[in-house]
Amino acid sequence: MSYEILVATDTDEERAGAQAETVLDLPEGSQDVHVTVFHVFTDNPQGASVTQLETARLLRDRFEEAGYEVTLDESSGDPVTEIVRSTPTASAWPAASGPPRGRCCSAASPRG
């Protein structure tokens, strides 16, 4: 069975490091797992890209080094709405916790 993991990131490098560790600690390992590193721009007048974010590059590099297949993706708008919209399926489960407020920043689901 394959898995899709969505890691929604912001610009906090410490949080991104914790997200990476959480995913890297999953028992499935990197075999048959695809990770999408996702960022939602809420105010982006300069038209920045996810590839310009240090946190996105940090996560991509950590996951690729561990053997995961990785894609960077982005959206604009309300972060909660866009993260839910980008979650692979309705049955996705949290994979990496976000800020101490307990907001989920990642989700994983089996790929069919």
C-alpha atoms as a PDB file:
ATOM      1  CA  MET A   1       0.000   0.000   0.000  1.00  0.00           C
ATOM      2  CA  SER A   2       1.284   3.484  -0.898  1.00  0.00           C
ATOM      3  CA  TYR A   3       0.879   6.568   1.251  1.00  0.00           C
ATOM      4  CA  GLU A   4       0.542  10.250   0.486  1.00  0.00           C
ATOM      5  CA  ILE A   5       1.686  12.661   3.195  1.00  0.00           C
ATOM      6  CA  LEU A   6       0.782  16.346   3.072  1.00  0.00           C
ATOM      7  CA  VAL A   7       3.105  18.532   5.153  1.00  0.00           C
ATOM      8  CA  ALA A   8       1.741  22.060   5.373  1.00  0.00           C
ATOM      9  CA  THR A   9       4.516  24.437   6.320  1.00  0.00           C
ATOM     10  CA  ASP A  10       4.846  28.082   7.251  1.00  0.00           C
ATOM     11  CA  THR A  11       8.065  30.100   7.665  1.00  0.00           C
ATOM     12  CA  ASP A  12       9.057  28.780  11.121  1.00  0.00           C
ATOM     13  CA  GLU A  13      12.232  26.711  10.610  1.00  0.00           C
ATOM     14  CA  GLU A  14      12.083  25.119  14.062  1.00  0.00           C
ATOM     15  CA  ARG A  15       8.539  23.905  13.397  1.00  0.00           C
ATOM     16  CA  ALA A  16       9.580  22.609   9.959  1.00  0.00           C
ATOM     17  CA  GLY A  17      12.375  20.623  11.601  1.00  0.00           C
ATOM     18  CA  ALA A  18       9.885  19.100  14.046  1.00  0.00           C
ATOM     19  CA  GLN A  19       7.528  18.239  11.166  1.00  0.00           C
ATOM     20  CA  ALA A  20      10.370  16.526   9.315  1.00  0.00           C
ATOM     21  CA  GLU A  21      11.296  14.477  12.386  1.00  0.00           C
ATOM     22  CA  THR A  22       7.682  13.397  12.876  1.00  0.00           C
ATOM     23  CA  VAL A  23       7.378  12.167   9.289  1.00  0.00           C
ATOM     24  CA  LEU A  24      10.804  10.523   9.342  1.00  0.00           C
ATOM     25  CA  ASP A  25       9.788   8.638  12.509  1.00  0.00           C
ATOM     26  CA  LEU A  26       6.710   7.067  10.882  1.00  0.00           C
ATOM     27  CA  PRO A  27       6.922   3.267  10.871  1.00  0.00           C
ATOM     28  CA  GLU A  28       6.240   2.962   7.125  1.00  0.00           C
ATOM     29  CA  GLY A  29       9.593   4.533   6.215  1.00  0.00           C
ATOM     30  CA  SER A  30      10.115   5.996   2.772  1.00  0.00           C
ATOM     31  CA  GLN A  31       9.117   2.956   0.727  1.00  0.00           C
ATOM     32  CA  ASP A  32       5.921   3.623  -1.250  1.00  0.00           C
ATOM     33  CA  VAL A  33       5.475   7.049   0.384  1.00  0.00           C
ATOM     34  CA  HIS A  34       5.086  10.358  -1.438  1.00  0.00           C
ATOM     35  CA  VAL A  35       5.374  13.627   0.507  1.00  0.00           C
ATOM     36  CA  THR A  36       3.888  16.916  -0.658  1.00  0.00           C
ATOM     37  CA  VAL A  37       5.333  19.953   1.097  1.00  0.00           C
ATOM     38  CA  PHE A  38       2.567  22.562   0.923  1.00  0.00           C
ATOM     39  CA  HIS A  39       2.495  26.271   1.741  1.00  0.00           C
ATOM     40  CA  VAL A  40      -0.481  28.635   1.701  1.00  0.00           C
ATOM     41  CA  PHE A  41       0.319  32.260   0.940  1.00  0.00           C
ATOM     42  CA  THR A  42      -2.115  34.603   2.672  1.00  0.00           C
ATOM     43  CA  ASP A  43      -0.532  37.836   1.453  1.00  0.00           C
ATOM     44  CA  ASN A  44       1.793  37.517  -1.514  1.00  0.00           C
ATOM     45  CA  PRO A  45       1.963  40.775  -3.508  1.00  0.00           C
ATOM     46  CA  GLN A  46       5.439  39.951  -4.881  1.00  0.00           C
ATOM     47  CA  GLY A  47       4.271  36.582  -6.236  1.00  0.00           C
ATOM     48  CA  ALA A  48       6.699  34.461  -4.216  1.00  0.00           C
ATOM     49  CA  SER A  49       6.864  30.728  -4.865  1.00  0.00           C
ATOM     50  CA  VAL A  50       7.027  27.829  -2.419  1.00  0.00           C
ATOM     51  CA  THR A  51      10.503  27.069  -3.792  1.00  0.00           C
ATOM     52  CA  GLN A  52      11.682  30.395  -2.326  1.00  0.00           C
ATOM     53  CA  LEU A  53      10.744  29.417   1.244  1.00  0.00           C
ATOM     54  CA  GLU A  54      13.620  28.188   3.372  1.00  0.00           C
ATOM     55  CA  THR A  55      11.274  25.885   5.299  1.00  0.00           C
ATOM     56  CA  ALA A  56       9.983  24.227   2.134  1.00  0.00           C
ATOM     57  CA  ARG A  57      13.520  23.631   0.863  1.00  0.00           C
ATOM     58  CA  LEU A  58      14.600  22.319   4.283  1.00  0.00           C
ATOM     59  CA  LEU A  59      11.707  19.838   4.345  1.00  0.00           C
ATOM     60  CA  ARG A  60      12.239  18.782   0.725  1.00  0.00           C
ATOM     61  CA  ASP A  61      15.946  18.176   1.320  1.00  0.00           C
ATOM     62  CA  ARG A  62      15.396  16.199   4.542  1.00  0.00           C
ATOM     63  CA  PHE A  63      12.755  13.972   2.934  1.00  0.00           C
ATOM     64  CA  GLU A  64      14.733  13.401  -0.270  1.00  0.00           C
ATOM     65  CA  GLU A  65      17.848  12.498   1.748  1.00  0.00           C
ATOM     66  CA  ALA A  66      15.742   9.872   3.547  1.00  0.00           C
ATOM     67  CA  GLY A  67      14.540   8.422   0.237  1.00  0.00           C
ATOM     68  CA  TYR A  68      11.053   9.893   0.025  1.00  0.00           C
ATOM     69  CA  GLU A  69       9.533  11.043  -3.252  1.00  0.00           C
ATOM     70  CA  VAL A  70       8.776  14.762  -2.703  1.00  0.00           C
ATOM     71  CA  THR A  71       6.707  17.442  -4.438  1.00  0.00           C
ATOM     72  CA  LEU A  72       6.499  21.122  -3.494  1.00  0.00           C
ATOM     73  CA  ASP A  73       3.068  22.717  -3.888  1.00  0.00           C
ATOM     74  CA  GLU A  74       1.447  26.018  -2.974  1.00  0.00           C
ATOM     75  CA  SER A  75      -1.841  27.841  -2.849  1.00  0.00           C
ATOM     76  CA  SER A  76      -3.186  31.232  -1.839  1.00  0.00           C
ATOM     77  CA  GLY A  77      -6.056  32.070   0.477  1.00  0.00           C
ATOM     78  CA  ASP A  78      -7.238  30.934   3.876  1.00  0.00           C
ATOM     79  CA  PRO A  79      -4.705  28.389   5.220  1.00  0.00           C
ATOM     80  CA  VAL A  80      -7.281  26.117   6.870  1.00  0.00           C
ATOM     81  CA  THR A  81      -9.496  26.007   3.777  1.00  0.00           C
ATOM     82  CA  GLU A  82      -6.583  25.413   1.410  1.00  0.00           C
ATOM     83  CA  ILE A  83      -4.968  22.712   3.580  1.00  0.00           C
ATOM     84  CA  VAL A  84      -8.261  20.821   3.864  1.00  0.00           C
ATOM     85  CA  ARG A  85      -8.808  21.204   0.118  1.00  0.00           C
ATOM     86  CA  SER A  86      -5.337  19.779  -0.539  1.00  0.00           C
ATOM     87  CA  THR A  87      -5.631  16.830   1.838  1.00  0.00           C
ATOM     88  CA  PRO A  88      -5.370  13.649  -0.267  1.00  0.00           C
ATOM     89  CA  THR A  89      -8.662  12.113   0.903  1.00  0.00           C
ATOM     90  CA  ALA A  90     -11.305  12.554   3.559  1.00  0.00           C
ATOM     91  CA  SER A  91      -9.774   9.630   5.446  1.00  0.00           C
ATOM     92  CA  ALA A  92      -6.382  11.298   5.862  1.00  0.00           C
ATOM     93  CA  TRP A  93      -4.795  11.127   9.299  1.00  0.00           C
ATOM     94  CA  PRO A  94      -2.459  13.624  10.985  1.00  0.00           C
ATOM     95  CA  ALA A  95       1.215  12.938  10.416  1.00  0.00           C
ATOM     96  CA  ALA A  96       2.970  15.969  11.874  1.00  0.00           C
ATOM     97  CA  SER A  97       1.634  18.344  14.448  1.00  0.00           C
ATOM     98  CA  GLY A  98       1.883  22.052  14.036  1.00  0.00           C
ATOM     99  CA  PRO A  99       2.013  24.820  16.586  1.00  0.00           C
ATOM    100  CA  PRO A 100       1.333  24.099  20.256  1.00  0.00           C
ATOM    101  CA  ARG A 101      -2.273  25.134  19.654  1.00  0.00           C
ATOM    102  CA  GLY A 102      -2.688  21.592  18.308  1.00  0.00           C
ATOM    103  CA  ARG A 103      -3.505  22.559  14.746  1.00  0.00           C
ATOM    104  CA  CYS A 104      -2.750  19.767  12.335  1.00  0.00           C
ATOM    105  CA  CYS A 105      -0.210  20.674   9.704  1.00  0.00           C
ATOM    106  CA  SER A 106       0.109  17.388   7.853  1.00  0.00           C
ATOM    107  CA  ALA A 107      -2.032  14.521   6.747  1.00  0.00           C
ATOM    108  CA  ALA A 108      -1.427  11.124   5.253  1.00  0.00           C
ATOM    109  CA  SER A 109      -3.621   8.669   3.493  1.00  0.00           C
ATOM    110  CA  PRO A 110      -3.249   5.453   1.517  1.00  0.00           C
ATOM    111  CA  ARG A 111      -2.928   5.918  -2.208  1.00  0.00           C
ATOM    112  CA  GLY A 112      -4.989   3.557  -4.279  1.00  0.00           C
END
